[in-house]
Amino acid sequence: MDPFADIDLDSESVWLEGAWYTRDDLARRITEMIEAGDFRVSRPSQALERLEAALAQARIVTVRMPADLADAVGATATRLGRPVGHLVREAVAYYLAAAAAYDAAQVDPAAEGELAAPARRR
């Protein structure tokens, strides 16, 4: 699961009160609220802070893949209504979680008094 489920890193926007907002959208909304005398800006301000934090933590990674795999990723992302980047992040997170679970499930024979073979790494 994407840790920032309500943040779209690809469009650099955050979900707030039923709509996606970019940084500029949120800044404009906060300004308009204050100018209208509505000082209840904590929710849009918090959304802006969370978006800024998520974008600051994000790193851009470039990946090459065969055309058929790229086409399948694109088609699946379209079918799910999500950006390709989201689908790739989910797939990588799933793979890493599965690899960690596999590693954790391995029994170390040396710990049980037997000779251990080197662990197989990918």
N, C-alpha and C. Protein backbone atom coordinates (compact mmCIF):
# COMPACT_ATOMS: atom_id res chain seq x y z
N MET A 1 0.84 -1.19 0.00
CA MET A 1 0.00 0.00 0.00
C MET A 1 0.88 1.23 0.00
N ASP A 2 0.52 2.18 -0.81
CA ASP A 2 1.24 3.43 -0.91
C ASP A 2 1.09 4.19 0.41
N PRO A 3 2.22 4.55 1.08
CA PRO A 3 2.11 5.24 2.36
C PRO A 3 1.47 6.61 2.25
N PHE A 4 1.43 7.17 1.06
CA PHE A 4 0.79 8.46 0.84
C PHE A 4 -0.40 8.26 -0.09
N ALA A 5 -1.35 7.43 0.34
CA ALA A 5 -2.48 7.06 -0.52
C ALA A 5 -3.27 8.27 -0.99
N ASP A 6 -3.29 9.33 -0.21
CA ASP A 6 -4.05 10.51 -0.63
C ASP A 6 -3.15 11.56 -1.28
N ILE A 7 -1.92 11.15 -1.62
CA ILE A 7 -1.00 12.04 -2.31
C ILE A 7 -0.60 11.39 -3.62
N ASP A 8 -0.76 12.12 -4.70
CA ASP A 8 -0.37 11.64 -6.02
C ASP A 8 0.99 12.25 -6.35
N LEU A 9 2.03 11.45 -6.21
CA LEU A 9 3.38 11.94 -6.45
C LEU A 9 3.60 12.30 -7.91
N ASP A 10 2.86 11.66 -8.81
CA ASP A 10 3.05 11.91 -10.23
C ASP A 10 2.51 13.27 -10.65
N SER A 11 1.35 13.65 -10.14
CA SER A 11 0.78 14.95 -10.48
C SER A 11 1.10 16.00 -9.41
N GLU A 12 1.81 15.59 -8.37
CA GLU A 12 2.17 16.46 -7.26
C GLU A 12 0.94 17.14 -6.68
N SER A 13 -0.03 16.29 -6.30
CA SER A 13 -1.27 16.82 -5.74
C SER A 13 -1.71 15.97 -4.55
N VAL A 14 -2.62 16.56 -3.76
CA VAL A 14 -3.12 15.89 -2.56
C VAL A 14 -4.65 15.92 -2.60
N TRP A 15 -5.26 14.85 -2.10
CA TRP A 15 -6.72 14.73 -2.05
C TRP A 15 -7.21 15.42 -0.79
N LEU A 16 -8.12 16.37 -0.96
CA LEU A 16 -8.67 17.11 0.17
C LEU A 16 -10.12 17.44 -0.13
N GLU A 17 -11.00 17.02 0.75
CA GLU A 17 -12.42 17.35 0.67
C GLU A 17 -13.01 17.07 -0.72
N GLY A 18 -12.69 15.89 -1.25
CA GLY A 18 -13.31 15.45 -2.50
C GLY A 18 -12.68 15.94 -3.78
N ALA A 19 -11.48 16.51 -3.71
CA ALA A 19 -10.83 16.99 -4.94
C ALA A 19 -9.30 16.91 -4.78
N TRP A 20 -8.61 16.86 -5.93
CA TRP A 20 -7.15 16.89 -5.94
C TRP A 20 -6.67 18.32 -6.03
N TYR A 21 -5.69 18.69 -5.20
CA TYR A 21 -5.13 20.04 -5.17
C TYR A 21 -3.62 19.98 -5.33
N THR A 22 -3.08 20.85 -6.18
CA THR A 22 -1.63 21.01 -6.28
C THR A 22 -1.19 22.00 -5.22
N ARG A 23 0.10 22.22 -5.11
CA ARG A 23 0.62 23.22 -4.16
C ARG A 23 0.04 24.59 -4.46
N ASP A 24 0.04 24.95 -5.74
CA ASP A 24 -0.49 26.27 -6.11
C ASP A 24 -1.98 26.38 -5.80
N ASP A 25 -2.71 25.30 -6.06
CA ASP A 25 -4.15 25.30 -5.76
C ASP A 25 -4.40 25.54 -4.28
N LEU A 26 -3.63 24.84 -3.44
CA LEU A 26 -3.81 24.97 -1.99
C LEU A 26 -3.42 26.36 -1.51
N ALA A 27 -2.32 26.87 -2.02
CA ALA A 27 -1.90 28.22 -1.62
C ALA A 27 -2.96 29.25 -2.01
N ARG A 28 -3.51 29.11 -3.20
CA ARG A 28 -4.56 30.01 -3.66
C ARG A 28 -5.81 29.87 -2.79
N ARG A 29 -6.17 28.62 -2.47
CA ARG A 29 -7.35 28.39 -1.63
C ARG A 29 -7.18 29.00 -0.24
N ILE A 30 -6.01 28.81 0.35
CA ILE A 30 -5.75 29.37 1.69
C ILE A 30 -5.82 30.89 1.64
N THR A 31 -5.21 31.49 0.63
CA THR A 31 -5.24 32.95 0.48
C THR A 31 -6.67 33.45 0.33
N GLU A 32 -7.45 32.78 -0.52
CA GLU A 32 -8.84 33.19 -0.73
C GLU A 32 -9.66 33.06 0.56
N MET A 33 -9.40 32.00 1.32
CA MET A 33 -10.13 31.82 2.58
C MET A 33 -9.82 32.97 3.54
N ILE A 34 -8.55 33.30 3.67
CA ILE A 34 -8.15 34.37 4.59
C ILE A 34 -8.72 35.70 4.14
N GLU A 35 -8.63 35.97 2.83
CA GLU A 35 -9.16 37.23 2.30
C GLU A 35 -10.67 37.35 2.50
N ALA A 36 -11.36 36.19 2.53
CA ALA A 36 -12.81 36.19 2.74
C ALA A 36 -13.17 36.21 4.22
N GLY A 37 -12.16 36.26 5.09
CA GLY A 37 -12.40 36.30 6.52
C GLY A 37 -12.61 34.92 7.14
N ASP A 38 -12.35 33.86 6.38
CA ASP A 38 -12.47 32.49 6.89
C ASP A 38 -11.08 32.04 7.32
N PHE A 39 -10.86 32.00 8.63
CA PHE A 39 -9.53 31.66 9.15
C PHE A 39 -9.41 30.19 9.54
N ARG A 40 -10.36 29.38 9.10
CA ARG A 40 -10.29 27.94 9.37
C ARG A 40 -9.48 27.26 8.27
N VAL A 41 -8.21 27.56 8.26
CA VAL A 41 -7.33 27.09 7.19
C VAL A 41 -6.46 25.91 7.61
N SER A 42 -6.74 25.32 8.76
CA SER A 42 -5.86 24.25 9.25
C SER A 42 -5.86 23.03 8.33
N ARG A 43 -7.03 22.62 7.82
CA ARG A 43 -7.06 21.42 6.96
C ARG A 43 -6.30 21.63 5.65
N PRO A 44 -6.55 22.72 4.91
CA PRO A 44 -5.75 22.91 3.70
C PRO A 44 -4.27 23.14 4.01
N SER A 45 -3.98 23.79 5.13
CA SER A 45 -2.58 24.00 5.51
C SER A 45 -1.88 22.68 5.82
N GLN A 46 -2.57 21.80 6.55
CA GLN A 46 -1.99 20.49 6.85
C GLN A 46 -1.80 19.67 5.58
N ALA A 47 -2.78 19.74 4.66
CA ALA A 47 -2.65 19.02 3.40
C ALA A 47 -1.44 19.53 2.61
N LEU A 48 -1.25 20.84 2.61
CA LEU A 48 -0.10 21.43 1.92
C LEU A 48 1.21 20.98 2.57
N GLU A 49 1.25 20.95 3.88
CA GLU A 49 2.46 20.49 4.59
C GLU A 49 2.75 19.03 4.28
N ARG A 50 1.71 18.18 4.28
CA ARG A 50 1.91 16.76 3.97
C ARG A 50 2.38 16.57 2.54
N LEU A 51 1.80 17.33 1.61
CA LEU A 51 2.22 17.25 0.21
C LEU A 51 3.68 17.67 0.07
N GLU A 52 4.04 18.78 0.70
CA GLU A 52 5.43 19.25 0.64
C GLU A 52 6.39 18.22 1.22
N ALA A 53 6.02 17.60 2.34
CA ALA A 53 6.88 16.59 2.97
C ALA A 53 7.02 15.36 2.07
N ALA A 54 5.93 14.92 1.47
CA ALA A 54 5.97 13.75 0.59
C ALA A 54 6.85 14.02 -0.63
N LEU A 55 6.70 15.20 -1.21
CA LEU A 55 7.50 15.54 -2.39
C LEU A 55 8.98 15.69 -2.04
N ALA A 56 9.26 16.20 -0.83
CA ALA A 56 10.65 16.34 -0.40
C ALA A 56 11.31 14.98 -0.19
N GLN A 57 10.52 13.99 0.24
CA GLN A 57 11.05 12.64 0.48
C GLN A 57 11.16 11.82 -0.80
N ALA A 58 10.41 12.18 -1.81
CA ALA A 58 10.35 11.39 -3.04
C ALA A 58 11.63 11.53 -3.84
N ARG A 59 12.02 10.45 -4.49
CA ARG A 59 13.17 10.44 -5.38
C ARG A 59 12.71 9.94 -6.74
N ILE A 60 13.26 10.50 -7.78
CA ILE A 60 12.92 10.07 -9.13
C ILE A 60 13.83 8.92 -9.51
N VAL A 61 13.24 7.84 -9.98
CA VAL A 61 13.98 6.66 -10.42
C VAL A 61 13.57 6.38 -11.87
N THR A 62 14.54 6.18 -12.73
CA THR A 62 14.27 5.88 -14.13
C THR A 62 14.51 4.40 -14.36
N VAL A 63 13.58 3.76 -15.05
CA VAL A 63 13.67 2.31 -15.29
C VAL A 63 13.46 2.04 -16.77
N ARG A 64 14.29 1.17 -17.34
CA ARG A 64 14.08 0.70 -18.71
C ARG A 64 13.45 -0.68 -18.62
N MET A 65 12.49 -0.94 -19.50
CA MET A 65 11.86 -2.24 -19.52
C MET A 65 11.47 -2.57 -20.95
N PRO A 66 11.31 -3.86 -21.25
CA PRO A 66 10.89 -4.25 -22.60
C PRO A 66 9.55 -3.62 -22.95
N ALA A 67 9.33 -3.38 -24.24
CA ALA A 67 8.12 -2.70 -24.70
C ALA A 67 6.86 -3.43 -24.27
N ASP A 68 6.86 -4.77 -24.33
CA ASP A 68 5.65 -5.51 -23.96
C ASP A 68 5.33 -5.34 -22.47
N LEU A 69 6.35 -5.30 -21.63
CA LEU A 69 6.13 -5.08 -20.21
C LEU A 69 5.64 -3.65 -19.96
N ALA A 70 6.24 -2.69 -20.62
CA ALA A 70 5.81 -1.29 -20.48
C ALA A 70 4.37 -1.13 -20.94
N ASP A 71 4.00 -1.79 -22.04
CA ASP A 71 2.62 -1.73 -22.53
C ASP A 71 1.66 -2.34 -21.51
N ALA A 72 2.05 -3.47 -20.92
CA ALA A 72 1.20 -4.12 -19.92
C ALA A 72 1.05 -3.25 -18.67
N VAL A 73 2.12 -2.62 -18.25
CA VAL A 73 2.07 -1.73 -17.09
C VAL A 73 1.15 -0.54 -17.40
N GLY A 74 1.31 0.03 -18.58
CA GLY A 74 0.47 1.17 -18.97
C GLY A 74 -1.00 0.79 -19.05
N ALA A 75 -1.29 -0.36 -19.64
CA ALA A 75 -2.68 -0.81 -19.77
C ALA A 75 -3.30 -1.09 -18.40
N THR A 76 -2.53 -1.70 -17.51
CA THR A 76 -3.04 -2.00 -16.17
C THR A 76 -3.28 -0.72 -15.39
N ALA A 77 -2.36 0.21 -15.48
CA ALA A 77 -2.54 1.49 -14.79
C ALA A 77 -3.79 2.20 -15.30
N THR A 78 -4.00 2.17 -16.60
CA THR A 78 -5.20 2.80 -17.18
C THR A 78 -6.46 2.11 -16.67
N ARG A 79 -6.44 0.79 -16.67
CA ARG A 79 -7.60 0.02 -16.20
C ARG A 79 -7.91 0.33 -14.75
N LEU A 80 -6.88 0.50 -13.92
CA LEU A 80 -7.06 0.79 -12.50
C LEU A 80 -7.31 2.27 -12.23
N GLY A 81 -7.12 3.10 -13.24
CA GLY A 81 -7.32 4.54 -13.06
C GLY A 81 -6.24 5.19 -12.21
N ARG A 82 -5.05 4.64 -12.29
CA ARG A 82 -3.92 5.16 -11.51
C ARG A 82 -2.77 5.51 -12.44
N PRO A 83 -1.88 6.41 -12.04
CA PRO A 83 -0.70 6.70 -12.86
C PRO A 83 0.24 5.50 -12.89
N VAL A 84 1.02 5.39 -13.95
CA VAL A 84 1.99 4.30 -14.08
C VAL A 84 2.95 4.31 -12.89
N GLY A 85 3.38 5.49 -12.47
CA GLY A 85 4.30 5.58 -11.33
C GLY A 85 3.74 4.94 -10.07
N HIS A 86 2.45 5.13 -9.84
CA HIS A 86 1.80 4.52 -8.67
C HIS A 86 1.87 3.00 -8.76
N LEU A 87 1.55 2.47 -9.94
CA LEU A 87 1.57 1.02 -10.13
C LEU A 87 2.98 0.47 -9.93
N VAL A 88 3.98 1.14 -10.45
CA VAL A 88 5.37 0.69 -10.29
C VAL A 88 5.78 0.76 -8.82
N ARG A 89 5.42 1.84 -8.11
CA ARG A 89 5.75 1.94 -6.68
C ARG A 89 5.11 0.80 -5.90
N GLU A 90 3.82 0.51 -6.19
CA GLU A 90 3.13 -0.59 -5.51
C GLU A 90 3.81 -1.92 -5.79
N ALA A 91 4.20 -2.16 -7.04
CA ALA A 91 4.84 -3.43 -7.41
C ALA A 91 6.19 -3.59 -6.70
N VAL A 92 6.97 -2.53 -6.66
CA VAL A 92 8.27 -2.59 -5.99
C VAL A 92 8.08 -2.81 -4.49
N ALA A 93 7.14 -2.10 -3.87
CA ALA A 93 6.88 -2.28 -2.43
C ALA A 93 6.43 -3.71 -2.15
N TYR A 94 5.57 -4.26 -2.99
CA TYR A 94 5.10 -5.64 -2.82
C TYR A 94 6.27 -6.61 -2.94
N TYR A 95 7.12 -6.42 -3.93
CA TYR A 95 8.27 -7.30 -4.13
C TYR A 95 9.21 -7.25 -2.92
N LEU A 96 9.49 -6.05 -2.45
CA LEU A 96 10.40 -5.91 -1.30
C LEU A 96 9.81 -6.53 -0.04
N ALA A 97 8.50 -6.39 0.17
CA ALA A 97 7.86 -7.00 1.34
C ALA A 97 7.91 -8.52 1.23
N ALA A 98 7.68 -9.06 0.04
CA ALA A 98 7.73 -10.51 -0.16
C ALA A 98 9.15 -11.03 0.05
N ALA A 99 10.14 -10.30 -0.45
CA ALA A 99 11.54 -10.71 -0.26
C ALA A 99 11.93 -10.68 1.21
N ALA A 100 11.47 -9.67 1.94
CA ALA A 100 11.77 -9.58 3.37
C ALA A 100 11.10 -10.72 4.13
N ALA A 101 9.87 -11.06 3.77
CA ALA A 101 9.16 -12.16 4.42
C ALA A 101 9.86 -13.48 4.13
N TYR A 102 10.32 -13.64 2.89
CA TYR A 102 11.05 -14.86 2.53
C TYR A 102 12.33 -14.97 3.34
N ASP A 103 13.09 -13.88 3.41
CA ASP A 103 14.33 -13.88 4.19
C ASP A 103 14.07 -14.18 5.66
N ALA A 104 13.02 -13.61 6.22
CA ALA A 104 12.70 -13.83 7.63
C ALA A 104 12.27 -15.27 7.89
N ALA A 105 11.70 -15.94 6.89
CA ALA A 105 11.22 -17.30 7.07
C ALA A 105 12.33 -18.34 6.94
N GLN A 106 13.47 -17.95 6.45
CA GLN A 106 14.58 -18.89 6.27
C GLN A 106 15.16 -19.27 7.62
N VAL A 107 15.37 -20.55 7.81
CA VAL A 107 15.96 -21.04 9.05
C VAL A 107 17.46 -21.16 8.84
N ASP A 108 18.23 -20.64 9.76
CA ASP A 108 19.68 -20.71 9.69
C ASP A 108 20.13 -22.00 10.36
N PRO A 109 20.55 -23.01 9.55
CA PRO A 109 20.96 -24.29 10.14
C PRO A 109 22.13 -24.15 11.10
N ALA A 110 23.01 -23.18 10.91
CA ALA A 110 24.16 -22.98 11.82
C ALA A 110 23.67 -22.62 13.21
N ALA A 111 22.57 -21.92 13.27
CA ALA A 111 22.02 -21.54 14.57
C ALA A 111 21.50 -22.76 15.31
N GLU A 112 21.22 -23.84 14.56
CA GLU A 112 20.74 -25.07 15.18
C GLU A 112 21.85 -26.10 15.33
N GLY A 113 23.12 -25.67 15.17
CA GLY A 113 24.25 -26.57 15.37
C GLY A 113 24.66 -27.34 14.14
N GLU A 114 24.11 -27.05 12.96
CA GLU A 114 24.49 -27.72 11.73
C GLU A 114 25.35 -26.80 10.89
N LEU A 115 26.02 -27.35 9.89
CA LEU A 115 26.78 -26.53 8.97
C LEU A 115 25.82 -25.80 8.05
N ALA A 116 26.05 -24.54 7.89
CA ALA A 116 25.14 -23.73 7.06
C ALA A 116 25.70 -23.54 5.67
N ALA A 117 24.86 -23.67 4.69
CA ALA A 117 25.22 -23.31 3.32
C ALA A 117 24.99 -21.81 3.18
N PRO A 118 25.76 -21.17 2.35
CA PRO A 118 25.55 -19.73 2.17
C PRO A 118 24.12 -19.45 1.70
N ALA A 119 23.55 -18.40 2.24
CA ALA A 119 22.20 -18.01 1.85
C ALA A 119 22.19 -17.60 0.40
N ARG A 120 21.16 -18.03 -0.33
CA ARG A 120 21.02 -17.66 -1.74
C ARG A 120 20.48 -16.25 -1.85
N ARG A 121 21.18 -15.41 -2.57
CA ARG A 121 20.78 -14.01 -2.75
C ARG A 121 20.41 -13.79 -4.19
N ARG A 122 19.52 -12.84 -4.41
CA ARG A 122 19.14 -12.48 -5.78
C ARG A 122 19.86 -11.25 -6.19
